[in-house]
C-alpha atoms as a PDB file:
ATOM      1  CA  UNK A   1       1.510  20.035  -0.439  1.00  0.00           C
ATOM      2  CA  UNK A   2      -1.952  21.456  -0.096  1.00  0.00           C
ATOM      3  CA  UNK A   3      -3.457  23.074   2.897  1.00  0.00           C
ATOM      4  CA  UNK A   4      -6.914  22.781   4.124  1.00  0.00           C
ATOM      5  CA  UNK A   5      -9.814  24.488   2.395  1.00  0.00           C
ATOM      6  CA  UNK A   6     -10.892  28.176   3.344  1.00  0.00           C
ATOM      7  CA  UNK A   7     -13.074  28.092   6.920  1.00  0.00           C
ATOM      8  CA  UNK A   8     -11.555  24.417   7.530  1.00  0.00           C
ATOM      9  CA  UNK A   9      -9.266  24.059  10.649  1.00  0.00           C
ATOM     10  CA  UNK A  10      -5.527  24.295   9.946  1.00  0.00           C
ATOM     11  CA  UNK A  11      -4.146  21.018  11.481  1.00  0.00           C
ATOM     12  CA  UNK A  12      -1.093  22.434  11.780  1.00  0.00           C
ATOM     13  CA  UNK A  13      -2.166  25.442  14.489  1.00  0.00           C
ATOM     14  CA  UNK A  14      -3.606  22.956  16.636  1.00  0.00           C
ATOM     15  CA  UNK A  15      -2.786  20.373  19.811  1.00  0.00           C
ATOM     16  CA  UNK A  16      -4.417  17.279  20.066  1.00  0.00           C
ATOM     17  CA  UNK A  17      -4.870  14.617  22.412  1.00  0.00           C
ATOM     18  CA  UNK A  18      -4.316  12.159  20.099  1.00  0.00           C
ATOM     19  CA  UNK A  19      -4.077  10.925  16.594  1.00  0.00           C
ATOM     20  CA  UNK A  20      -5.923   8.403  15.600  1.00  0.00           C
ATOM     21  CA  UNK A  21      -4.590   6.331  12.091  1.00  0.00           C
ATOM     22  CA  UNK A  22      -6.651   4.095  10.074  1.00  0.00           C
ATOM     23  CA  UNK A  23      -3.959   1.262   8.605  1.00  0.00           C
ATOM     24  CA  UNK A  24      -4.710  -0.068   5.262  1.00  0.00           C
ATOM     25  CA  UNK A  25      -3.212   2.268   3.196  1.00  0.00           C
ATOM     26  CA  UNK A  26      -1.996   4.821   5.765  1.00  0.00           C
ATOM     27  CA  UNK A  27       0.159   3.031   7.626  1.00  0.00           C
ATOM     28  CA  UNK A  28       0.555  -0.472   6.080  1.00  0.00           C
ATOM     29  CA  UNK A  29       0.385  -0.820   1.753  1.00  0.00           C
ATOM     30  CA  UNK A  30      -1.655  -3.574   1.363  1.00  0.00           C
ATOM     31  CA  UNK A  31      -3.247  -2.625  -2.091  1.00  0.00           C
ATOM     32  CA  UNK A  32      -2.382  -5.534  -3.924  1.00  0.00           C
ATOM     33  CA  UNK A  33      -2.882  -8.098  -0.998  1.00  0.00           C
ATOM     34  CA  UNK A  34      -6.856  -6.426  -0.462  1.00  0.00           C
ATOM     35  CA  UNK A  35      -7.512  -6.276  -4.502  1.00  0.00           C
ATOM     36  CA  UNK A  36      -6.131  -9.820  -5.171  1.00  0.00           C
ATOM     37  CA  UNK A  37      -8.503 -10.934  -1.951  1.00  0.00           C
ATOM     38  CA  UNK A  38     -11.676  -9.184  -3.366  1.00  0.00           C
ATOM     39  CA  UNK A  39     -10.951 -10.988  -6.842  1.00  0.00           C
ATOM     40  CA  UNK A  40     -10.630 -14.040  -5.180  1.00  0.00           C
ATOM     41  CA  UNK A  41     -13.604 -13.701  -3.466  1.00  0.00           C
ATOM     42  CA  UNK A  42     -15.524 -12.863  -6.545  1.00  0.00           C
ATOM     43  CA  UNK A  43     -14.865 -15.638  -8.214  1.00  0.00           C
ATOM     44  CA  UNK A  44     -15.875 -17.633  -5.701  1.00  0.00           C
ATOM     45  CA  UNK A  45     -19.079 -16.523  -5.498  1.00  0.00           C
ATOM     46  CA  UNK A  46     -19.885 -15.794  -9.116  1.00  0.00           C
ATOM     47  CA  UNK A  47     -19.730 -12.042  -8.524  1.00  0.00           C
ATOM     48  CA  UNK A  48     -18.534 -10.074 -11.757  1.00  0.00           C
ATOM     49  CA  UNK A  49     -14.850  -8.710 -10.564  1.00  0.00           C
ATOM     50  CA  UNK A  50     -16.530  -4.992 -12.166  1.00  0.00           C
ATOM     51  CA  UNK A  51     -19.411  -4.843 -10.106  1.00  0.00           C
ATOM     52  CA  UNK A  52     -17.394  -5.042  -6.957  1.00  0.00           C
ATOM     53  CA  UNK A  53     -17.868  -1.154  -6.880  1.00  0.00           C
ATOM     54  CA  UNK A  54     -16.360   0.720  -3.777  1.00  0.00           C
ATOM     55  CA  UNK A  55     -14.105  -1.574  -1.661  1.00  0.00           C
ATOM     56  CA  UNK A  56     -11.953   0.304   0.022  1.00  0.00           C
ATOM     57  CA  UNK A  57     -12.095   1.733   3.811  1.00  0.00           C
ATOM     58  CA  UNK A  58     -15.139  -0.023   4.624  1.00  0.00           C
ATOM     59  CA  UNK A  59     -15.543  -3.388   6.453  1.00  0.00           C
ATOM     60  CA  UNK A  60     -15.683  -6.501   4.082  1.00  0.00           C
ATOM     61  CA  UNK A  61     -19.032  -7.362   5.504  1.00  0.00           C
ATOM     62  CA  UNK A  62     -20.919  -4.128   4.574  1.00  0.00           C
ATOM     63  CA  UNK A  63     -19.585  -4.514   1.271  1.00  0.00           C
ATOM     64  CA  UNK A  64     -20.555  -8.004   1.045  1.00  0.00           C
ATOM     65  CA  UNK A  65     -24.075  -7.098   2.036  1.00  0.00           C
ATOM     66  CA  UNK A  66     -24.493  -4.007  -0.439  1.00  0.00           C
ATOM     67  CA  UNK A  67     -23.439  -6.556  -3.106  1.00  0.00           C
ATOM     68  CA  UNK A  68     -26.328  -9.196  -2.228  1.00  0.00           C
ATOM     69  CA  UNK A  69     -28.674  -6.299  -2.168  1.00  0.00           C
ATOM     70  CA  UNK A  70     -27.652  -4.730  -5.364  1.00  0.00           C
ATOM     71  CA  UNK A  71     -26.755  -8.077  -7.891  1.00  0.00           C
ATOM     72  CA  UNK A  72     -30.271 -10.602  -5.579  1.00  0.00           C
ATOM     73  CA  UNK A  73     -27.107 -12.958  -4.889  1.00  0.00           C
ATOM     74  CA  UNK A  74     -28.878 -14.819  -2.205  1.00  0.00           C
ATOM     75  CA  UNK A  75     -25.639 -14.940   0.032  1.00  0.00           C
ATOM     76  CA  UNK A  76     -25.423 -16.614   3.565  1.00  0.00           C
ATOM     77  CA  UNK A  77     -23.944 -13.443   4.534  1.00  0.00           C
ATOM     78  CA  UNK A  78     -22.106 -14.680   7.525  1.00  0.00           C
ATOM     79  CA  UNK A  79     -20.815 -17.433   5.534  1.00  0.00           C
ATOM     80  CA  UNK A  80     -19.703 -14.907   2.626  1.00  0.00           C
ATOM     81  CA  UNK A  81     -17.742 -12.998   5.254  1.00  0.00           C
ATOM     82  CA  UNK A  82     -15.980 -15.688   6.746  1.00  0.00           C
ATOM     83  CA  UNK A  83     -14.640 -16.830   3.314  1.00  0.00           C
ATOM     84  CA  UNK A  84     -13.200 -13.220   2.750  1.00  0.00           C
ATOM     85  CA  UNK A  85     -11.488 -13.120   6.064  1.00  0.00           C
ATOM     86  CA  UNK A  86      -9.862 -16.258   5.537  1.00  0.00           C
ATOM     87  CA  UNK A  87      -8.801 -15.272   1.972  1.00  0.00           C
ATOM     88  CA  UNK A  88      -7.534 -12.089   3.301  1.00  0.00           C
ATOM     89  CA  UNK A  89      -5.814 -13.751   6.242  1.00  0.00           C
ATOM     90  CA  UNK A  90      -4.108 -15.935   3.980  1.00  0.00           C
ATOM     91  CA  UNK A  91      -2.611 -13.250   2.146  1.00  0.00           C
ATOM     92  CA  UNK A  92      -0.082 -11.276   3.367  1.00  0.00           C
ATOM     93  CA  UNK A  93       2.308 -10.876   0.262  1.00  0.00           C
ATOM     94  CA  UNK A  94       3.802  -7.588  -0.411  1.00  0.00           C
ATOM     95  CA  UNK A  95       2.301  -6.280   2.758  1.00  0.00           C
ATOM     96  CA  UNK A  96       4.934  -2.973   3.714  1.00  0.00           C
ATOM     97  CA  UNK A  97       5.179  -0.437   5.664  1.00  0.00           C
ATOM     98  CA  UNK A  98       4.177   2.902   3.758  1.00  0.00           C
ATOM     99  CA  UNK A  99       6.532   5.913   4.054  1.00  0.00           C
ATOM    100  CA  UNK A 100       6.702   7.777   7.258  1.00  0.00           C
ATOM    101  CA  UNK A 101       4.521   5.192   9.055  1.00  0.00           C
ATOM    102  CA  UNK A 102       7.324   4.133  11.586  1.00  0.00           C
ATOM    103  CA  UNK A 103       8.256   7.439  12.270  1.00  0.00           C
ATOM    104  CA  UNK A 104       4.773   9.057  12.845  1.00  0.00           C
ATOM    105  CA  UNK A 105       3.913   5.270  15.304  1.00  0.00           C
ATOM    106  CA  UNK A 106       7.222   6.014  16.936  1.00  0.00           C
ATOM    107  CA  UNK A 107       7.069   9.921  17.862  1.00  0.00           C
ATOM    108  CA  UNK A 108       3.525   9.871  18.797  1.00  0.00           C
ATOM    109  CA  UNK A 109       3.890   6.534  21.128  1.00  0.00           C
ATOM    110  CA  UNK A 110       0.895   5.833  23.292  1.00  0.00           C
ATOM    111  CA  UNK A 111      -0.856   9.124  22.035  1.00  0.00           C
ATOM    112  CA  UNK A 112      -1.845   6.794  18.749  1.00  0.00           C
ATOM    113  CA  UNK A 113      -4.874   4.530  18.320  1.00  0.00           C
ATOM    114  CA  UNK A 114      -5.046   2.472  14.800  1.00  0.00           C
ATOM    115  CA  UNK A 115      -8.646   2.495  13.634  1.00  0.00           C
ATOM    116  CA  UNK A 116      -9.192  -0.139  10.826  1.00  0.00           C
ATOM    117  CA  UNK A 117     -12.357  -1.607   9.023  1.00  0.00           C
ATOM    118  CA  UNK A 118     -10.463  -4.842   9.236  1.00  0.00           C
ATOM    119  CA  UNK A 119     -10.892  -7.394  11.868  1.00  0.00           C
ATOM    120  CA  UNK A 120      -8.625  -7.628  14.314  1.00  0.00           C
ATOM    121  CA  UNK A 121      -6.750 -11.040  13.563  1.00  0.00           C
ATOM    122  CA  UNK A 122      -6.398  -9.492  10.128  1.00  0.00           C
ATOM    123  CA  UNK A 123      -4.948  -5.782  11.410  1.00  0.00           C
ATOM    124  CA  UNK A 124      -2.849  -7.088  13.741  1.00  0.00           C
ATOM    125  CA  UNK A 125      -1.195  -9.461  10.828  1.00  0.00           C
ATOM    126  CA  UNK A 126      -1.083  -6.836   8.176  1.00  0.00           C
ATOM    127  CA  UNK A 127       0.975  -4.472  11.384  1.00  0.00           C
ATOM    128  CA  UNK A 128       3.054  -7.270  11.945  1.00  0.00           C
ATOM    129  CA  UNK A 129       3.797  -8.534   8.266  1.00  0.00           C
ATOM    130  CA  UNK A 130       4.871  -4.629   7.440  1.00  0.00           C
ATOM    131  CA  UNK A 131       6.935  -4.625  10.672  1.00  0.00           C
ATOM    132  CA  UNK A 132       4.824  -2.102  12.836  1.00  0.00           C
ATOM    133  CA  UNK A 133       4.544  -1.874  16.286  1.00  0.00           C
ATOM    134  CA  UNK A 134       1.302  -3.058  18.032  1.00  0.00           C
ATOM    135  CA  UNK A 135      -0.920   0.512  18.771  1.00  0.00           C
ATOM    136  CA  UNK A 136      -1.794   1.511  22.470  1.00  0.00           C
ATOM    137  CA  UNK A 137      -5.247   1.291  21.333  1.00  0.00           C
ATOM    138  CA  UNK A 138      -6.350  -0.781  18.098  1.00  0.00           C
ATOM    139  CA  UNK A 139     -10.164  -0.561  17.071  1.00  0.00           C
ATOM    140  CA  UNK A 140     -11.361  -2.911  14.409  1.00  0.00           C
ATOM    141  CA  UNK A 141     -14.135  -4.144  13.105  1.00  0.00           C
ATOM    142  CA  UNK A 142     -15.461  -6.363  15.257  1.00  0.00           C
ATOM    143  CA  UNK A 143     -15.076  -3.993  17.482  1.00  0.00           C
ATOM    144  CA  UNK A 144     -18.163  -1.653  16.445  1.00  0.00           C
ATOM    145  CA  UNK A 145     -21.878  -2.542  14.964  1.00  0.00           C
ATOM    146  CA  UNK A 146     -21.396   0.295  12.125  1.00  0.00           C
ATOM    147  CA  UNK A 147     -18.341   1.135  10.335  1.00  0.00           C
ATOM    148  CA  UNK A 148     -16.852   3.686   8.441  1.00  0.00           C
ATOM    149  CA  UNK A 149     -18.323   6.499   7.031  1.00  0.00           C
ATOM    150  CA  UNK A 150     -20.251   6.188  10.541  1.00  0.00           C
ATOM    151  CA  UNK A 151     -18.385   7.899  13.236  1.00  0.00           C
ATOM    152  CA  UNK A 152     -18.666   4.485  15.741  1.00  0.00           C
ATOM    153  CA  UNK A 153     -14.982   3.549  14.866  1.00  0.00           C
ATOM    154  CA  UNK A 154     -13.602   6.842  15.597  1.00  0.00           C
ATOM    155  CA  UNK A 155     -15.661   7.681  18.741  1.00  0.00           C
ATOM    156  CA  UNK A 156     -15.011   4.094  20.354  1.00  0.00           C
ATOM    157  CA  UNK A 157     -11.205   4.847  19.309  1.00  0.00           C
ATOM    158  CA  UNK A 158     -11.660   8.003  21.545  1.00  0.00           C
ATOM    159  CA  UNK A 159     -13.144   6.963  24.430  1.00  0.00           C
ATOM    160  CA  UNK A 160     -10.963   3.833  24.722  1.00  0.00           C
ATOM    161  CA  UNK A 161      -8.192   6.486  24.466  1.00  0.00           C
ATOM    162  CA  UNK A 162      -9.825   9.174  26.652  1.00  0.00           C
ATOM    163  CA  UNK A 163      -9.934  11.835  25.107  1.00  0.00           C
ATOM    164  CA  UNK A 164     -12.226  14.325  23.542  1.00  0.00           C
ATOM    165  CA  UNK A 165     -13.075  13.444  19.863  1.00  0.00           C
ATOM    166  CA  UNK A 166     -13.266  16.737  18.759  1.00  0.00           C
ATOM    167  CA  UNK A 167      -9.621  17.142  20.390  1.00  0.00           C
ATOM    168  CA  UNK A 168      -8.503  14.287  17.861  1.00  0.00           C
ATOM    169  CA  UNK A 169      -6.435  14.088  15.002  1.00  0.00           C
ATOM    170  CA  UNK A 170      -7.816  11.589  12.349  1.00  0.00           C
ATOM    171  CA  UNK A 171      -5.623  10.249   9.786  1.00  0.00           C
ATOM    172  CA  UNK A 172      -7.104   8.219   6.299  1.00  0.00           C
ATOM    173  CA  UNK A 173      -6.870   7.801   2.974  1.00  0.00           C
ATOM    174  CA  UNK A 174     -10.448   6.972   1.423  1.00  0.00           C
ATOM    175  CA  UNK A 175     -13.168   9.270   1.650  1.00  0.00           C
ATOM    176  CA  UNK A 176     -15.607   6.718   3.987  1.00  0.00           C
ATOM    177  CA  UNK A 177     -12.449   7.221   6.526  1.00  0.00           C
ATOM    178  CA  UNK A 178     -12.565  11.283   6.719  1.00  0.00           C
ATOM    179  CA  UNK A 179     -16.587  11.066   6.555  1.00  0.00           C
ATOM    180  CA  UNK A 180     -16.572   8.675   9.393  1.00  0.00           C
ATOM    181  CA  UNK A 181     -13.808  11.028  11.147  1.00  0.00           C
ATOM    182  CA  UNK A 182     -15.058  14.378  10.332  1.00  0.00           C
ATOM    183  CA  UNK A 183     -18.613  13.058  11.576  1.00  0.00           C
ATOM    184  CA  UNK A 184     -17.110  12.129  15.049  1.00  0.00           C
ATOM    185  CA  UNK A 185     -15.977  16.057  15.470  1.00  0.00           C
ATOM    186  CA  UNK A 186     -12.116  15.355  14.824  1.00  0.00           C
ATOM    187  CA  UNK A 187      -9.716  17.130  12.531  1.00  0.00           C
ATOM    188  CA  UNK A 188      -9.063  15.103   9.487  1.00  0.00           C
ATOM    189  CA  UNK A 189      -5.761  14.499   7.684  1.00  0.00           C
ATOM    190  CA  UNK A 190      -6.195  13.090   4.397  1.00  0.00           C
ATOM    191  CA  UNK A 191      -3.318  11.219   2.419  1.00  0.00           C
ATOM    192  CA  UNK A 192      -3.025  10.455  -1.599  1.00  0.00           C
ATOM    193  CA  UNK A 193      -2.342   6.975  -0.954  1.00  0.00           C
ATOM    194  CA  UNK A 194      -4.976   5.436  -2.846  1.00  0.00           C
ATOM    195  CA  UNK A 195      -7.318   8.629  -3.487  1.00  0.00           C
ATOM    196  CA  UNK A 196      -6.939  11.350  -5.731  1.00  0.00           C
ATOM    197  CA  UNK A 197      -7.153  15.127  -4.383  1.00  0.00           C
ATOM    198  CA  UNK A 198     -10.594  16.016  -5.389  1.00  0.00           C
ATOM    199  CA  UNK A 199     -12.554  13.074  -3.752  1.00  0.00           C
ATOM    200  CA  UNK A 200     -10.877  13.933  -0.052  1.00  0.00           C
ATOM    201  CA  UNK A 201     -12.173  17.668  -0.487  1.00  0.00           C
ATOM    202  CA  UNK A 202     -13.787  17.490   3.063  1.00  0.00           C
ATOM    203  CA  UNK A 203     -10.199  17.001   4.846  1.00  0.00           C
ATOM    204  CA  UNK A 204      -8.498  19.593   6.873  1.00  0.00           C
ATOM    205  CA  UNK A 205      -5.250  18.967   4.818  1.00  0.00           C
ATOM    206  CA  UNK A 206      -4.138  16.664   2.154  1.00  0.00           C
ATOM    207  CA  UNK A 207      -1.085  15.534   1.693  1.00  0.00           C
ATOM    208  CA  UNK A 208       0.830  12.854  -0.536  1.00  0.00           C
ATOM    209  CA  UNK A 209       2.079  10.305   2.191  1.00  0.00           C
ATOM    210  CA  UNK A 210       2.961  10.625   6.108  1.00  0.00           C
ATOM    211  CA  UNK A 211       6.314  11.100   5.159  1.00  0.00           C
ATOM    212  CA  UNK A 212       5.125  14.859   4.450  1.00  0.00           C
ATOM    213  CA  UNK A 213       4.603  15.644   7.781  1.00  0.00           C
ATOM    214  CA  UNK A 214       5.987  15.345  11.148  1.00  0.00           C
ATOM    215  CA  UNK A 215       4.352  14.629  14.589  1.00  0.00           C
ATOM    216  CA  UNK A 216       5.689  15.465  18.233  1.00  0.00           C
ATOM    217  CA  UNK A 217       4.578  15.378  21.632  1.00  0.00           C
ATOM    218  CA  UNK A 218       5.463  18.038  24.056  1.00  0.00           C
ATOM    219  CA  UNK A 219       3.392  19.718  27.330  1.00  0.00           C
ATOM    220  CA  UNK A 220       0.233  21.023  25.212  1.00  0.00           C
ATOM    221  CA  UNK A 221      -0.454  17.791  23.346  1.00  0.00           C
ATOM    222  CA  UNK A 222       0.617  15.824  19.787  1.00  0.00           C
ATOM    223  CA  UNK A 223       1.984  18.795  17.208  1.00  0.00           C
ATOM    224  CA  UNK A 224       1.706  18.265  13.736  1.00  0.00           C
ATOM    225  CA  UNK A 225       4.071  20.026  10.801  1.00  0.00           C
ATOM    226  CA  UNK A 226       4.589  19.966   7.501  1.00  0.00           C
ATOM    227  CA  UNK A 227       7.839  18.749   6.328  1.00  0.00           C
ATOM    228  CA  UNK A 228       9.580  20.955   4.198  1.00  0.00           C
END
């Protein structure tokens, strides 16, 4: 496990009011379903798959709007977004919990929020398909005007939890998600489930997945420690 860069906060030495976790590729392995969904959407709208670019960790409508601008597609953005929603919701094949996800949520209890770039229907369906419990707070793409990497999703989650964002730990797997958490003022723990380590250098701590850390709650708040 690699610790934080020099000058960054060390998550293992702090207590937190809450832990705010991304869902896809942080708690839930949905990589295959996401890839298939974007490929199906691209075929539907005549977009070469190789032109999709970075889609991970950001709301689908932001990606669709970007593609519309870059490729001059002339899309009806609402209709194109609705088609993507339908495709994604219809593909829950091989959606499973990632290592350590169930243990983390069980240990955190009502101190955990899930903050995702998926809409509420899809986020709930994927958590259910993976056998994970519903979190105390679930913030989705349809709850905020601006998605990750904007800080809005994590600020909204902290507000709903009644905690200071600066007293929270954000757990993410994408550069956009890490930037979102840092912009909200939170400490950040990044997972190597989808992204090379060098692209997550902004995070305070980087580990392979949630099985490499242990969470607990005591009188001082939430603690996190590295597993041996």
